[in-house]
Amino acid sequence: MFTRRIVIDTVDKVQNLVRAATAAPFEVDIMDKNFTVNAKSIMGLFSIDRSEPITVSIGADEDSEESKAFLEQICTYLV
């Protein structure tokens, strides 16, 4: 498991993150200051404060092909 900081400040970014997380064969969680939500839940992502950078927790080995593919999909959101 490893984490990265991201910004998902638009509806399009939220939708794209949910698509990427849903396709991932591992757990992806989003953490803001107060809550942790499943990144595969669009309702969960809309329930947190996205005005500042948030943390994405990726439940896979950082060097795995799957996690590298996921990071490529969200690379423009990385802080």
N, C-alpha and C. Protein backbone atom coordinates (compact mmCIF):
# COMPACT_ATOMS: atom_id res chain seq x y z
N MET A 1 0.84 -1.17 0.00
CA MET A 1 0.00 0.00 0.00
C MET A 1 0.90 1.24 0.00
N PHE A 2 0.47 2.27 -0.74
CA PHE A 2 1.19 3.53 -0.77
C PHE A 2 0.20 4.65 -1.03
N THR A 3 0.63 5.89 -0.81
CA THR A 3 -0.26 7.03 -0.95
C THR A 3 0.34 8.08 -1.87
N ARG A 4 -0.53 8.90 -2.42
CA ARG A 4 -0.15 10.06 -3.22
C ARG A 4 -1.13 11.18 -2.90
N ARG A 5 -0.71 12.42 -3.10
CA ARG A 5 -1.59 13.58 -2.94
C ARG A 5 -2.13 13.96 -4.31
N ILE A 6 -3.43 14.25 -4.38
CA ILE A 6 -4.07 14.61 -5.64
C ILE A 6 -5.02 15.79 -5.43
N VAL A 7 -5.42 16.39 -6.53
CA VAL A 7 -6.45 17.42 -6.54
C VAL A 7 -7.52 16.97 -7.53
N ILE A 8 -8.75 16.84 -7.05
CA ILE A 8 -9.89 16.50 -7.91
C ILE A 8 -10.98 17.55 -7.67
N ASP A 9 -10.76 18.73 -8.23
CA ASP A 9 -11.61 19.89 -7.95
C ASP A 9 -12.72 20.12 -8.97
N THR A 10 -12.90 19.21 -9.91
CA THR A 10 -14.00 19.35 -10.87
C THR A 10 -14.79 18.04 -10.93
N VAL A 11 -16.00 18.14 -11.44
CA VAL A 11 -16.85 16.95 -11.59
C VAL A 11 -16.22 15.96 -12.55
N ASP A 12 -15.62 16.44 -13.64
CA ASP A 12 -14.97 15.55 -14.60
C ASP A 12 -13.83 14.76 -13.96
N LYS A 13 -13.04 15.42 -13.12
CA LYS A 13 -11.94 14.73 -12.44
C LYS A 13 -12.46 13.67 -11.49
N VAL A 14 -13.55 13.97 -10.80
CA VAL A 14 -14.15 12.98 -9.90
C VAL A 14 -14.62 11.77 -10.69
N GLN A 15 -15.32 12.01 -11.79
CA GLN A 15 -15.82 10.91 -12.61
C GLN A 15 -14.68 10.07 -13.17
N ASN A 16 -13.62 10.70 -13.64
CA ASN A 16 -12.48 9.96 -14.18
C ASN A 16 -11.77 9.16 -13.10
N LEU A 17 -11.64 9.72 -11.90
CA LEU A 17 -11.02 8.99 -10.81
C LEU A 17 -11.85 7.77 -10.43
N VAL A 18 -13.16 7.92 -10.38
CA VAL A 18 -14.04 6.78 -10.06
C VAL A 18 -13.89 5.69 -11.13
N ARG A 19 -13.84 6.08 -12.39
CA ARG A 19 -13.66 5.09 -13.47
C ARG A 19 -12.34 4.34 -13.31
N ALA A 20 -11.27 5.07 -13.06
CA ALA A 20 -9.95 4.45 -12.90
C ALA A 20 -9.93 3.55 -11.67
N ALA A 21 -10.51 3.99 -10.57
CA ALA A 21 -10.53 3.20 -9.34
C ALA A 21 -11.38 1.95 -9.51
N THR A 22 -12.50 2.07 -10.19
CA THR A 22 -13.39 0.92 -10.41
C THR A 22 -12.70 -0.14 -11.26
N ALA A 23 -11.90 0.28 -12.20
CA ALA A 23 -11.19 -0.67 -13.07
C ALA A 23 -9.99 -1.30 -12.37
N ALA A 24 -9.53 -0.70 -11.30
CA ALA A 24 -8.35 -1.21 -10.59
C ALA A 24 -8.68 -2.48 -9.81
N PRO A 25 -7.81 -3.48 -9.84
CA PRO A 25 -8.06 -4.74 -9.14
C PRO A 25 -7.62 -4.71 -7.67
N PHE A 26 -7.58 -3.53 -7.09
CA PHE A 26 -7.17 -3.37 -5.69
C PHE A 26 -7.99 -2.25 -5.07
N GLU A 27 -7.90 -2.10 -3.77
CA GLU A 27 -8.63 -1.05 -3.08
C GLU A 27 -8.00 0.31 -3.33
N VAL A 28 -8.85 1.30 -3.50
CA VAL A 28 -8.40 2.69 -3.64
C VAL A 28 -9.27 3.51 -2.69
N ASP A 29 -8.65 4.18 -1.75
CA ASP A 29 -9.37 5.01 -0.79
C ASP A 29 -8.91 6.45 -0.92
N ILE A 30 -9.82 7.36 -0.57
CA ILE A 30 -9.53 8.79 -0.57
C ILE A 30 -9.68 9.29 0.86
N MET A 31 -8.70 10.07 1.31
CA MET A 31 -8.72 10.60 2.66
C MET A 31 -8.58 12.11 2.63
N ASP A 32 -9.52 12.80 3.27
CA ASP A 32 -9.33 14.23 3.50
C ASP A 32 -9.00 14.40 4.97
N LYS A 33 -9.16 15.58 5.51
CA LYS A 33 -8.79 15.82 6.91
C LYS A 33 -9.59 14.98 7.89
N ASN A 34 -10.85 14.70 7.55
CA ASN A 34 -11.75 14.07 8.51
C ASN A 34 -12.26 12.69 8.14
N PHE A 35 -12.28 12.35 6.88
CA PHE A 35 -12.94 11.13 6.44
C PHE A 35 -12.08 10.31 5.49
N THR A 36 -12.41 9.02 5.42
CA THR A 36 -11.85 8.13 4.42
C THR A 36 -13.02 7.53 3.66
N VAL A 37 -12.99 7.61 2.33
CA VAL A 37 -14.07 7.06 1.51
C VAL A 37 -13.48 6.16 0.43
N ASN A 38 -14.29 5.25 -0.05
CA ASN A 38 -13.91 4.37 -1.14
C ASN A 38 -13.90 5.18 -2.44
N ALA A 39 -12.79 5.16 -3.16
CA ALA A 39 -12.68 5.93 -4.40
C ALA A 39 -13.55 5.37 -5.51
N LYS A 40 -14.09 4.18 -5.31
CA LYS A 40 -14.98 3.59 -6.30
C LYS A 40 -16.42 4.08 -6.12
N SER A 41 -16.65 4.93 -5.12
CA SER A 41 -17.98 5.46 -4.81
C SER A 41 -18.05 6.93 -5.19
N ILE A 42 -18.80 7.24 -6.23
CA ILE A 42 -18.92 8.63 -6.65
C ILE A 42 -19.61 9.46 -5.58
N MET A 43 -20.59 8.87 -4.89
CA MET A 43 -21.26 9.59 -3.81
C MET A 43 -20.29 9.87 -2.66
N GLY A 44 -19.42 8.91 -2.37
CA GLY A 44 -18.42 9.12 -1.33
C GLY A 44 -17.50 10.28 -1.66
N LEU A 45 -17.07 10.36 -2.92
CA LEU A 45 -16.16 11.43 -3.32
C LEU A 45 -16.83 12.80 -3.27
N PHE A 46 -18.13 12.84 -3.58
CA PHE A 46 -18.83 14.11 -3.50
C PHE A 46 -19.14 14.52 -2.06
N SER A 47 -18.96 13.60 -1.12
CA SER A 47 -19.26 13.92 0.28
C SER A 47 -18.07 14.49 1.04
N ILE A 48 -16.89 14.53 0.43
CA ILE A 48 -15.71 15.05 1.13
C ILE A 48 -15.32 16.41 0.58
N ASP A 49 -14.48 17.11 1.32
CA ASP A 49 -13.98 18.42 0.91
C ASP A 49 -12.89 18.22 -0.14
N ARG A 50 -13.18 18.64 -1.37
CA ARG A 50 -12.22 18.48 -2.46
C ARG A 50 -11.59 19.81 -2.86
N SER A 51 -11.77 20.85 -2.05
CA SER A 51 -11.24 22.16 -2.39
C SER A 51 -9.73 22.24 -2.18
N GLU A 52 -9.17 21.31 -1.41
CA GLU A 52 -7.74 21.25 -1.15
C GLU A 52 -7.21 19.89 -1.58
N PRO A 53 -5.90 19.75 -1.72
CA PRO A 53 -5.35 18.43 -2.05
C PRO A 53 -5.77 17.37 -1.03
N ILE A 54 -6.05 16.18 -1.52
CA ILE A 54 -6.44 15.06 -0.68
C ILE A 54 -5.48 13.90 -0.94
N THR A 55 -5.58 12.88 -0.11
CA THR A 55 -4.67 11.74 -0.22
C THR A 55 -5.41 10.55 -0.83
N VAL A 56 -4.77 9.92 -1.80
CA VAL A 56 -5.29 8.67 -2.36
C VAL A 56 -4.40 7.55 -1.85
N SER A 57 -5.04 6.54 -1.28
CA SER A 57 -4.33 5.37 -0.77
C SER A 57 -4.57 4.21 -1.72
N ILE A 58 -3.50 3.65 -2.23
CA ILE A 58 -3.58 2.60 -3.25
C ILE A 58 -3.16 1.28 -2.62
N GLY A 59 -4.08 0.33 -2.62
CA GLY A 59 -3.87 -0.95 -1.94
C GLY A 59 -3.15 -1.97 -2.79
N ALA A 60 -2.01 -1.59 -3.32
CA ALA A 60 -1.20 -2.49 -4.14
C ALA A 60 0.26 -2.12 -3.95
N ASP A 61 1.13 -2.98 -4.41
CA ASP A 61 2.56 -2.69 -4.37
C ASP A 61 2.86 -1.56 -5.34
N GLU A 62 3.67 -0.63 -4.92
CA GLU A 62 3.97 0.54 -5.74
C GLU A 62 4.62 0.18 -7.08
N ASP A 63 5.32 -0.93 -7.13
CA ASP A 63 6.01 -1.33 -8.36
C ASP A 63 5.22 -2.28 -9.25
N SER A 64 3.99 -2.60 -8.87
CA SER A 64 3.20 -3.53 -9.67
C SER A 64 2.72 -2.85 -10.95
N GLU A 65 2.48 -3.65 -11.96
CA GLU A 65 2.00 -3.13 -13.24
C GLU A 65 0.63 -2.47 -13.09
N GLU A 66 -0.22 -3.06 -12.24
CA GLU A 66 -1.57 -2.52 -12.04
C GLU A 66 -1.52 -1.14 -11.41
N SER A 67 -0.68 -0.96 -10.39
CA SER A 67 -0.61 0.34 -9.73
C SER A 67 0.03 1.38 -10.65
N LYS A 68 1.00 0.98 -11.46
CA LYS A 68 1.60 1.90 -12.42
C LYS A 68 0.56 2.35 -13.45
N ALA A 69 -0.27 1.42 -13.90
CA ALA A 69 -1.32 1.76 -14.86
C ALA A 69 -2.33 2.71 -14.23
N PHE A 70 -2.68 2.48 -12.97
CA PHE A 70 -3.62 3.36 -12.28
C PHE A 70 -3.02 4.76 -12.15
N LEU A 71 -1.76 4.85 -11.75
CA LEU A 71 -1.12 6.15 -11.60
C LEU A 71 -1.02 6.90 -12.93
N GLU A 72 -0.84 6.18 -14.02
CA GLU A 72 -0.83 6.83 -15.34
C GLU A 72 -2.18 7.47 -15.64
N GLN A 73 -3.27 6.80 -15.22
CA GLN A 73 -4.60 7.32 -15.47
C GLN A 73 -4.89 8.58 -14.66
N ILE A 74 -4.28 8.70 -13.49
CA ILE A 74 -4.56 9.87 -12.65
C ILE A 74 -3.36 10.82 -12.55
N CYS A 75 -2.38 10.68 -13.41
CA CYS A 75 -1.14 11.47 -13.31
C CYS A 75 -1.39 12.97 -13.34
N THR A 76 -2.39 13.42 -14.05
CA THR A 76 -2.64 14.87 -14.13
C THR A 76 -3.24 15.42 -12.84
N TYR A 77 -3.68 14.55 -11.94
CA TYR A 77 -4.27 14.99 -10.67
C TYR A 77 -3.25 15.03 -9.54
N LEU A 78 -2.07 14.47 -9.78
CA LEU A 78 -1.05 14.40 -8.73
C LEU A 78 -0.51 15.78 -8.39
N VAL A 79 -0.26 15.98 -7.11
CA VAL A 79 0.27 17.28 -6.65
C VAL A 79 1.78 17.20 -6.63
